[in-house]
Amino acid sequence: MGEKGDKRERSLSDYFSTTGFTALMYLVIFLVVIAVMYFIIMNYFMYRGLLSNKVSVDIKANEVQLFKDGYYPVVNVKVTTRLESKVMLEFRSEEYSVNFTNEDYVKEFSRLAVLPKEMQDREFRLTVFAEDRLGAARQKTIEFRTKKMKVEKGQGGVRFSVS
């Protein structure tokens, strides 16, 4: 049985027998493969899927301000995005439309919009478009009403108030 020319048949368990060291190496390789797959999948979802660019819009000020030739509605808008993006703001009403765009990729974008004085006390739709570096675009729309300057004449003189 133990002679030189004797060949014995190997069983399947002989091919898969492992020592402690090789079992540890298989475990390390398995964990590295899992980590790489997790990294690839999470990056895919971050840029294209569930965790993609989030856009938040905040109207910081909606007021009427006095300039040389009268009172104008002034709206201050702040846009925050999760990823660096190019941002475009579009103010639209039935009679008026104006766009503001930045050319740089930013995470925060603020714009002070001075609207024509005829646009006091009007319904506006503010649409924000944000496009990240990979070309994925997001849109958010807010509806608001601009303020109006009221002039009240009374016994004590003229009183101004914003509504």
N, C-alpha and C. Protein backbone atom coordinates (compact mmCIF):
# COMPACT_ATOMS: atom_id res chain seq x y z
N MET A 1 0.79 -1.17 0.00
CA MET A 1 0.00 0.00 0.00
C MET A 1 0.85 1.25 0.00
N GLY A 2 1.87 1.31 0.70
CA GLY A 2 2.70 2.49 0.76
C GLY A 2 3.85 2.43 -0.20
N GLU A 3 3.85 1.51 -1.16
CA GLU A 3 4.98 1.38 -2.07
C GLU A 3 4.97 2.50 -3.10
N LYS A 4 6.14 2.63 -3.82
CA LYS A 4 6.31 3.73 -4.75
C LYS A 4 5.31 3.69 -5.90
N GLY A 5 5.07 2.63 -6.47
CA GLY A 5 4.23 2.56 -7.65
C GLY A 5 2.75 2.50 -7.35
N ASP A 6 2.39 2.50 -6.13
CA ASP A 6 0.98 2.36 -5.76
C ASP A 6 0.26 3.71 -5.85
N LYS A 7 -0.82 3.75 -6.58
CA LYS A 7 -1.62 4.97 -6.67
C LYS A 7 -2.94 4.70 -5.99
N ARG A 8 -3.32 5.57 -5.11
CA ARG A 8 -4.61 5.39 -4.47
C ARG A 8 -5.56 6.47 -4.96
N GLU A 9 -6.80 6.21 -4.89
CA GLU A 9 -7.80 7.17 -5.34
C GLU A 9 -8.02 8.21 -4.26
N ARG A 10 -8.14 9.46 -4.71
CA ARG A 10 -8.39 10.54 -3.75
C ARG A 10 -9.89 10.76 -3.65
N SER A 11 -10.30 11.10 -2.49
CA SER A 11 -11.71 11.42 -2.30
C SER A 11 -11.92 12.92 -2.48
N LEU A 12 -13.15 13.32 -2.60
CA LEU A 12 -13.48 14.73 -2.79
C LEU A 12 -13.03 15.57 -1.61
N SER A 13 -13.08 15.03 -0.42
CA SER A 13 -12.68 15.80 0.76
C SER A 13 -11.19 16.09 0.77
N ASP A 14 -10.38 15.30 0.06
CA ASP A 14 -8.94 15.58 -0.01
C ASP A 14 -8.66 16.86 -0.78
N TYR A 15 -9.48 17.18 -1.78
CA TYR A 15 -9.26 18.39 -2.57
C TYR A 15 -9.68 19.65 -1.82
N PHE A 16 -10.63 19.54 -0.92
CA PHE A 16 -11.14 20.71 -0.22
C PHE A 16 -10.66 20.81 1.22
N SER A 17 -9.73 20.01 1.60
CA SER A 17 -9.23 20.12 2.98
C SER A 17 -8.38 21.37 3.09
N THR A 18 -8.56 22.09 4.14
CA THR A 18 -7.84 23.35 4.33
C THR A 18 -7.18 23.37 5.69
N THR A 19 -6.14 24.14 5.74
CA THR A 19 -5.50 24.38 7.03
C THR A 19 -6.10 25.66 7.59
N GLY A 20 -5.76 25.99 8.78
CA GLY A 20 -6.27 27.21 9.39
C GLY A 20 -5.83 28.45 8.62
N PHE A 21 -4.60 28.45 8.11
CA PHE A 21 -4.09 29.61 7.38
C PHE A 21 -4.85 29.83 6.07
N THR A 22 -5.08 28.79 5.30
CA THR A 22 -5.79 28.97 4.03
C THR A 22 -7.25 29.34 4.28
N ALA A 23 -7.85 28.83 5.33
CA ALA A 23 -9.22 29.23 5.66
C ALA A 23 -9.27 30.72 5.99
N LEU A 24 -8.28 31.20 6.71
CA LEU A 24 -8.20 32.63 7.03
C LEU A 24 -8.01 33.46 5.76
N MET A 25 -7.19 32.99 4.84
CA MET A 25 -6.97 33.72 3.58
C MET A 25 -8.26 33.76 2.75
N TYR A 26 -9.00 32.66 2.70
CA TYR A 26 -10.28 32.66 2.00
C TYR A 26 -11.25 33.66 2.63
N LEU A 27 -11.26 33.73 3.94
CA LEU A 27 -12.14 34.68 4.63
C LEU A 27 -11.76 36.12 4.30
N VAL A 28 -10.46 36.42 4.30
CA VAL A 28 -9.99 37.78 3.98
C VAL A 28 -10.36 38.14 2.54
N ILE A 29 -10.15 37.23 1.61
CA ILE A 29 -10.49 37.50 0.21
C ILE A 29 -11.99 37.72 0.07
N PHE A 30 -12.80 36.92 0.73
CA PHE A 30 -14.25 37.07 0.69
C PHE A 30 -14.68 38.43 1.23
N LEU A 31 -14.09 38.87 2.35
CA LEU A 31 -14.45 40.16 2.93
C LEU A 31 -14.02 41.32 2.04
N VAL A 32 -12.88 41.21 1.38
CA VAL A 32 -12.42 42.27 0.47
C VAL A 32 -13.37 42.36 -0.73
N VAL A 33 -13.80 41.24 -1.26
CA VAL A 33 -14.75 41.24 -2.39
C VAL A 33 -16.06 41.88 -1.97
N ILE A 34 -16.56 41.56 -0.79
CA ILE A 34 -17.80 42.16 -0.28
C ILE A 34 -17.63 43.67 -0.12
N ALA A 35 -16.50 44.13 0.42
CA ALA A 35 -16.28 45.57 0.61
C ALA A 35 -16.22 46.30 -0.73
N VAL A 36 -15.56 45.73 -1.72
CA VAL A 36 -15.47 46.37 -3.04
C VAL A 36 -16.84 46.43 -3.69
N MET A 37 -17.61 45.37 -3.61
CA MET A 37 -18.96 45.37 -4.18
C MET A 37 -19.85 46.39 -3.48
N TYR A 38 -19.75 46.50 -2.17
CA TYR A 38 -20.53 47.49 -1.42
C TYR A 38 -20.17 48.90 -1.88
N PHE A 39 -18.88 49.18 -2.03
CA PHE A 39 -18.42 50.49 -2.47
C PHE A 39 -18.96 50.82 -3.87
N ILE A 40 -18.89 49.88 -4.78
CA ILE A 40 -19.36 50.11 -6.15
C ILE A 40 -20.87 50.33 -6.17
N ILE A 41 -21.61 49.52 -5.47
CA ILE A 41 -23.08 49.64 -5.47
C ILE A 41 -23.52 50.93 -4.80
N MET A 42 -22.91 51.31 -3.69
CA MET A 42 -23.30 52.55 -3.01
C MET A 42 -22.97 53.78 -3.85
N ASN A 43 -21.85 53.77 -4.55
CA ASN A 43 -21.54 54.90 -5.43
C ASN A 43 -22.56 55.00 -6.56
N TYR A 44 -22.98 53.88 -7.09
CA TYR A 44 -23.99 53.91 -8.15
C TYR A 44 -25.28 54.53 -7.64
N PHE A 45 -25.75 54.10 -6.48
CA PHE A 45 -26.99 54.64 -5.95
C PHE A 45 -26.85 56.08 -5.50
N MET A 46 -25.66 56.47 -5.05
CA MET A 46 -25.49 57.85 -4.60
C MET A 46 -25.61 58.81 -5.77
N TYR A 47 -25.05 58.46 -6.91
CA TYR A 47 -25.05 59.38 -8.03
C TYR A 47 -26.24 59.21 -8.96
N ARG A 48 -26.87 58.07 -8.98
CA ARG A 48 -27.94 57.83 -9.94
C ARG A 48 -29.25 57.36 -9.33
N GLY A 49 -29.24 56.98 -8.09
CA GLY A 49 -30.42 56.33 -7.57
C GLY A 49 -31.01 57.02 -6.37
N LEU A 50 -31.27 56.25 -5.35
CA LEU A 50 -32.03 56.71 -4.20
C LEU A 50 -31.37 57.85 -3.44
N LEU A 51 -30.05 57.84 -3.35
CA LEU A 51 -29.36 58.85 -2.55
C LEU A 51 -28.85 60.00 -3.41
N SER A 52 -29.49 60.30 -4.51
CA SER A 52 -28.98 61.29 -5.45
C SER A 52 -29.14 62.70 -4.92
N ASN A 53 -28.90 63.64 -5.79
CA ASN A 53 -28.87 65.05 -5.44
C ASN A 53 -30.21 65.53 -4.87
N LYS A 54 -30.18 66.03 -3.67
CA LYS A 54 -31.38 66.59 -3.06
C LYS A 54 -31.30 68.11 -3.15
N VAL A 55 -32.41 68.73 -3.46
CA VAL A 55 -32.47 70.18 -3.62
C VAL A 55 -33.44 70.74 -2.59
N SER A 56 -32.98 71.73 -1.82
CA SER A 56 -33.89 72.42 -0.91
C SER A 56 -33.89 73.91 -1.25
N VAL A 57 -35.07 74.50 -1.22
CA VAL A 57 -35.24 75.90 -1.59
C VAL A 57 -35.86 76.63 -0.41
N ASP A 58 -35.30 77.78 -0.09
CA ASP A 58 -35.80 78.59 1.03
C ASP A 58 -35.93 80.03 0.56
N ILE A 59 -37.11 80.61 0.72
CA ILE A 59 -37.30 82.03 0.41
C ILE A 59 -36.96 82.80 1.68
N LYS A 60 -35.78 83.42 1.68
CA LYS A 60 -35.29 84.11 2.87
C LYS A 60 -36.02 85.42 3.11
N ALA A 61 -36.38 86.12 2.04
CA ALA A 61 -37.07 87.41 2.19
C ALA A 61 -38.06 87.57 1.05
N ASN A 62 -39.23 88.04 1.39
CA ASN A 62 -40.26 88.38 0.41
C ASN A 62 -40.86 89.69 0.91
N GLU A 63 -40.35 90.79 0.39
CA GLU A 63 -40.73 92.10 0.93
C GLU A 63 -40.79 93.14 -0.17
N VAL A 64 -41.19 94.33 0.20
CA VAL A 64 -41.24 95.47 -0.72
C VAL A 64 -40.22 96.49 -0.22
N GLN A 65 -39.35 96.95 -1.14
CA GLN A 65 -38.33 97.93 -0.75
C GLN A 65 -38.44 99.17 -1.61
N LEU A 66 -38.06 100.29 -1.00
CA LEU A 66 -38.12 101.58 -1.67
C LEU A 66 -36.83 101.83 -2.44
N PHE A 67 -36.98 102.11 -3.73
CA PHE A 67 -35.87 102.53 -4.56
C PHE A 67 -36.17 103.96 -5.02
N LYS A 68 -35.31 104.54 -5.85
CA LYS A 68 -35.46 105.95 -6.26
C LYS A 68 -36.81 106.23 -6.90
N ASP A 69 -37.29 105.32 -7.73
CA ASP A 69 -38.52 105.59 -8.47
C ASP A 69 -39.72 104.80 -7.97
N GLY A 70 -39.69 104.31 -6.77
CA GLY A 70 -40.87 103.65 -6.22
C GLY A 70 -40.56 102.39 -5.44
N TYR A 71 -41.64 101.69 -5.06
CA TYR A 71 -41.52 100.46 -4.28
C TYR A 71 -41.51 99.25 -5.22
N TYR A 72 -40.56 98.35 -4.97
CA TYR A 72 -40.40 97.16 -5.80
C TYR A 72 -40.47 95.91 -4.92
N PRO A 73 -41.09 94.85 -5.43
CA PRO A 73 -41.05 93.59 -4.68
C PRO A 73 -39.65 92.97 -4.78
N VAL A 74 -39.14 92.53 -3.65
CA VAL A 74 -37.80 91.95 -3.58
C VAL A 74 -37.93 90.55 -2.97
N VAL A 75 -37.34 89.57 -3.64
CA VAL A 75 -37.37 88.19 -3.16
C VAL A 75 -35.94 87.68 -3.08
N ASN A 76 -35.56 87.17 -1.91
CA ASN A 76 -34.24 86.59 -1.71
C ASN A 76 -34.41 85.08 -1.59
N VAL A 77 -33.78 84.34 -2.50
CA VAL A 77 -33.93 82.88 -2.55
C VAL A 77 -32.59 82.23 -2.26
N LYS A 78 -32.61 81.19 -1.43
CA LYS A 78 -31.41 80.40 -1.15
C LYS A 78 -31.69 78.96 -1.54
N VAL A 79 -30.81 78.40 -2.38
CA VAL A 79 -30.93 77.02 -2.84
C VAL A 79 -29.74 76.23 -2.30
N THR A 80 -30.01 75.08 -1.72
CA THR A 80 -28.96 74.20 -1.21
C THR A 80 -29.12 72.84 -1.87
N THR A 81 -28.00 72.30 -2.38
CA THR A 81 -28.01 70.98 -3.02
C THR A 81 -27.05 70.05 -2.30
N ARG A 82 -27.30 68.76 -2.40
CA ARG A 82 -26.44 67.78 -1.73
C ARG A 82 -25.11 67.64 -2.47
N LEU A 83 -25.16 67.61 -3.79
CA LEU A 83 -23.96 67.52 -4.62
C LEU A 83 -23.72 68.87 -5.28
N GLU A 84 -22.48 69.14 -5.65
CA GLU A 84 -22.19 70.39 -6.36
C GLU A 84 -22.97 70.40 -7.67
N SER A 85 -23.67 71.50 -7.92
CA SER A 85 -24.57 71.57 -9.08
C SER A 85 -24.57 72.96 -9.68
N LYS A 86 -24.96 73.01 -10.96
CA LYS A 86 -25.29 74.28 -11.60
C LYS A 86 -26.76 74.52 -11.32
N VAL A 87 -27.09 75.74 -10.91
CA VAL A 87 -28.45 76.04 -10.48
C VAL A 87 -29.06 77.10 -11.39
N MET A 88 -30.34 76.91 -11.76
CA MET A 88 -31.08 77.91 -12.50
C MET A 88 -32.40 78.17 -11.77
N LEU A 89 -32.69 79.44 -11.55
CA LEU A 89 -33.96 79.86 -10.94
C LEU A 89 -34.83 80.47 -12.02
N GLU A 90 -36.11 80.13 -12.00
CA GLU A 90 -37.05 80.72 -12.95
C GLU A 90 -38.25 81.24 -12.16
N PHE A 91 -38.43 82.57 -12.20
CA PHE A 91 -39.60 83.22 -11.61
C PHE A 91 -40.62 83.38 -12.73
N ARG A 92 -41.84 82.89 -12.52
CA ARG A 92 -42.84 82.98 -13.58
C ARG A 92 -44.20 83.32 -12.98
N SER A 93 -44.84 84.31 -13.60
CA SER A 93 -46.23 84.64 -13.28
C SER A 93 -46.98 84.69 -14.61
N GLU A 94 -48.23 85.10 -14.57
CA GLU A 94 -49.00 85.17 -15.82
C GLU A 94 -48.44 86.22 -16.77
N GLU A 95 -47.92 87.32 -16.23
CA GLU A 95 -47.46 88.42 -17.08
C GLU A 95 -45.95 88.55 -17.19
N TYR A 96 -45.19 87.82 -16.37
CA TYR A 96 -43.77 88.12 -16.26
C TYR A 96 -42.98 86.83 -16.05
N SER A 97 -41.76 86.80 -16.59
CA SER A 97 -40.87 85.66 -16.39
C SER A 97 -39.43 86.15 -16.40
N VAL A 98 -38.62 85.61 -15.50
CA VAL A 98 -37.20 85.96 -15.45
C VAL A 98 -36.42 84.74 -14.97
N ASN A 99 -35.19 84.58 -15.51
CA ASN A 99 -34.32 83.45 -15.14
C ASN A 99 -33.03 83.97 -14.55
N PHE A 100 -32.50 83.24 -13.59
CA PHE A 100 -31.18 83.50 -13.02
C PHE A 100 -30.41 82.19 -13.07
N THR A 101 -29.15 82.24 -13.55
CA THR A 101 -28.34 81.03 -13.68
C THR A 101 -26.94 81.29 -13.16
N ASN A 102 -26.34 80.26 -12.54
CA ASN A 102 -24.92 80.35 -12.22
C ASN A 102 -24.17 79.37 -13.10
N GLU A 103 -22.93 79.69 -13.43
CA GLU A 103 -22.14 78.85 -14.33
C GLU A 103 -21.21 77.91 -13.58
N ASP A 104 -21.05 78.11 -12.27
CA ASP A 104 -20.16 77.28 -11.48
C ASP A 104 -20.94 76.18 -10.78
N TYR A 105 -20.22 75.13 -10.41
CA TYR A 105 -20.82 74.06 -9.61
C TYR A 105 -20.69 74.45 -8.14
N VAL A 106 -21.82 74.59 -7.48
CA VAL A 106 -21.84 75.02 -6.08
C VAL A 106 -22.85 74.17 -5.30
N LYS A 107 -22.70 74.17 -3.99
CA LYS A 107 -23.67 73.48 -3.13
C LYS A 107 -24.71 74.45 -2.58
N GLU A 108 -24.35 75.74 -2.50
CA GLU A 108 -25.29 76.76 -2.03
C GLU A 108 -25.32 77.90 -3.04
N PHE A 109 -26.52 78.37 -3.33
CA PHE A 109 -26.69 79.44 -4.31
C PHE A 109 -27.76 80.38 -3.78
N SER A 110 -27.43 81.66 -3.70
CA SER A 110 -28.40 82.68 -3.25
C SER A 110 -28.56 83.72 -4.34
N ARG A 111 -29.78 84.21 -4.48
CA ARG A 111 -30.05 85.24 -5.48
C ARG A 111 -31.08 86.21 -4.93
N LEU A 112 -30.79 87.49 -5.08
CA LEU A 112 -31.72 88.55 -4.72
C LEU A 112 -32.39 89.02 -6.01
N ALA A 113 -33.68 88.83 -6.10
CA ALA A 113 -34.43 89.19 -7.31
C ALA A 113 -35.27 90.43 -7.02
N VAL A 114 -35.00 91.50 -7.76
CA VAL A 114 -35.82 92.71 -7.68
C VAL A 114 -36.76 92.66 -8.88
N LEU A 115 -38.02 92.47 -8.59
CA LEU A 115 -39.03 92.32 -9.65
C LEU A 115 -39.61 93.68 -10.02
N PRO A 116 -40.21 93.82 -11.19
CA PRO A 116 -40.82 95.11 -11.57
C PRO A 116 -41.90 95.53 -10.57
N LYS A 117 -42.06 96.85 -10.41
CA LYS A 117 -43.00 97.33 -9.38
C LYS A 117 -44.44 96.95 -9.67
N GLU A 118 -44.76 96.65 -10.93
CA GLU A 118 -46.11 96.20 -11.26
C GLU A 118 -46.38 94.78 -10.75
N MET A 119 -45.35 94.09 -10.33
CA MET A 119 -45.49 92.69 -9.89
C MET A 119 -45.77 92.57 -8.39
N GLN A 120 -46.14 93.66 -7.75
CA GLN A 120 -46.54 93.58 -6.34
C GLN A 120 -47.85 92.81 -6.23
N ASP A 121 -47.98 92.04 -5.18
CA ASP A 121 -49.20 91.30 -4.88
C ASP A 121 -49.61 90.38 -6.04
N ARG A 122 -48.66 89.60 -6.54
CA ARG A 122 -48.92 88.67 -7.64
C ARG A 122 -48.49 87.27 -7.25
N GLU A 123 -49.18 86.29 -7.82
CA GLU A 123 -48.81 84.89 -7.63
C GLU A 123 -47.61 84.58 -8.52
N PHE A 124 -46.59 83.96 -7.94
CA PHE A 124 -45.41 83.56 -8.69
C PHE A 124 -45.15 82.08 -8.49
N ARG A 125 -44.57 81.48 -9.50
CA ARG A 125 -44.09 80.10 -9.40
C ARG A 125 -42.57 80.15 -9.56
N LEU A 126 -41.88 79.73 -8.52
CA LEU A 126 -40.42 79.67 -8.55
C LEU A 126 -40.02 78.23 -8.83
N THR A 127 -39.34 78.01 -9.96
CA THR A 127 -38.87 76.68 -10.32
C THR A 127 -37.35 76.68 -10.25
N VAL A 128 -36.80 75.70 -9.54
CA VAL A 128 -35.36 75.57 -9.39
C VAL A 128 -34.92 74.31 -10.12
N PHE A 129 -33.93 74.47 -11.01
CA PHE A 129 -33.33 73.35 -11.72
C PHE A 129 -31.90 73.21 -11.22
N ALA A 130 -31.49 72.01 -10.82
CA ALA A 130 -30.12 71.76 -10.37
C ALA A 130 -29.56 70.58 -11.16
N GLU A 131 -28.41 70.80 -11.82
CA GLU A 131 -27.78 69.74 -12.61
C GLU A 131 -26.40 69.47 -12.03
N ASP A 132 -26.14 68.22 -11.62
CA ASP A 132 -24.85 67.90 -11.02
C ASP A 132 -23.81 67.61 -12.11
N ARG A 133 -22.60 67.27 -11.68
CA ARG A 133 -21.49 67.07 -12.63
C ARG A 133 -21.70 65.88 -13.56
N LEU A 134 -22.50 64.92 -13.14
CA LEU A 134 -22.76 63.75 -13.98
C LEU A 134 -23.92 63.96 -14.94
N GLY A 135 -24.56 65.12 -14.87
CA GLY A 135 -25.66 65.43 -15.78
C GLY A 135 -27.03 65.08 -15.24
N ALA A 136 -27.10 64.55 -14.03
CA ALA A 136 -28.41 64.25 -13.45
C ALA A 136 -29.06 65.55 -13.00
N ALA A 137 -30.29 65.77 -13.40
CA ALA A 137 -30.98 67.03 -13.09
C ALA A 137 -32.12 66.79 -12.12
N ARG A 138 -32.31 67.75 -11.23
CA ARG A 138 -33.42 67.73 -10.28
C ARG A 138 -34.16 69.05 -10.40
N GLN A 139 -35.45 69.02 -10.09
CA GLN A 139 -36.30 70.21 -10.20
C GLN A 139 -37.18 70.30 -8.97
N LYS A 140 -37.38 71.52 -8.50
CA LYS A 140 -38.28 71.76 -7.38
C LYS A 140 -39.05 73.04 -7.67
N THR A 141 -40.35 73.05 -7.35
CA THR A 141 -41.21 74.20 -7.64
C THR A 141 -41.89 74.65 -6.36
N ILE A 142 -41.91 75.98 -6.17
CA ILE A 142 -42.58 76.60 -5.03
C ILE A 142 -43.48 77.70 -5.56
N GLU A 143 -44.67 77.81 -5.02
CA GLU A 143 -45.56 78.91 -5.38
C GLU A 143 -45.65 79.87 -4.20
N PHE A 144 -45.60 81.15 -4.50
CA PHE A 144 -45.68 82.17 -3.45
C PHE A 144 -46.32 83.42 -4.03
N ARG A 145 -46.66 84.34 -3.15
CA ARG A 145 -47.27 85.61 -3.54
C ARG A 145 -46.36 86.74 -3.08
N THR A 146 -46.08 87.69 -3.98
CA THR A 146 -45.23 88.82 -3.60
C THR A 146 -46.01 89.77 -2.70
N LYS A 147 -45.27 90.52 -1.91
CA LYS A 147 -45.88 91.48 -0.98
C LYS A 147 -46.33 92.73 -1.74
N LYS A 148 -47.16 93.54 -1.07
CA LYS A 148 -47.67 94.78 -1.67
C LYS A 148 -47.55 95.90 -0.65
N MET A 149 -47.15 97.07 -1.14
CA MET A 149 -47.05 98.25 -0.28
C MET A 149 -48.41 98.94 -0.26
N LYS A 150 -48.93 99.15 0.94
CA LYS A 150 -50.20 99.87 1.09
C LYS A 150 -49.90 101.27 1.60
N VAL A 151 -50.56 102.23 0.99
CA VAL A 151 -50.44 103.62 1.43
C VAL A 151 -51.79 104.03 2.00
N GLU A 152 -51.79 104.40 3.27
CA GLU A 152 -53.03 104.79 3.95
C GLU A 152 -52.91 106.25 4.36
N LYS A 153 -53.86 107.06 3.91
CA LYS A 153 -53.87 108.47 4.28
C LYS A 153 -54.88 108.65 5.40
N GLY A 154 -54.44 109.29 6.43
CA GLY A 154 -55.32 109.49 7.57
C GLY A 154 -55.12 110.87 8.16
N GLN A 155 -55.67 111.10 9.34
CA GLN A 155 -55.56 112.42 9.98
C GLN A 155 -54.12 112.73 10.38
N GLY A 156 -53.40 111.73 10.79
CA GLY A 156 -52.03 111.96 11.24
C GLY A 156 -51.01 112.00 10.13
N GLY A 157 -51.42 111.90 8.89
CA GLY A 157 -50.49 111.91 7.77
C GLY A 157 -50.62 110.63 6.96
N VAL A 158 -49.55 110.28 6.29
CA VAL A 158 -49.53 109.10 5.42
C VAL A 158 -48.83 107.96 6.16
N ARG A 159 -49.42 106.78 6.11
CA ARG A 159 -48.83 105.62 6.76
C ARG A 159 -48.63 104.53 5.71
N PHE A 160 -47.44 103.93 5.71
CA PHE A 160 -47.11 102.86 4.76
C PHE A 160 -47.07 101.54 5.51
N SER A 161 -47.61 100.51 4.89
CA SER A 161 -47.53 99.17 5.48
C SER A 161 -47.40 98.15 4.36
N VAL A 162 -46.78 97.04 4.70
CA VAL A 162 -46.58 95.96 3.73
C VAL A 162 -47.55 94.85 4.06
N SER A 163 -48.23 94.35 3.02
CA SER A 163 -49.14 93.22 3.25
C SER A 163 -48.78 92.07 2.35
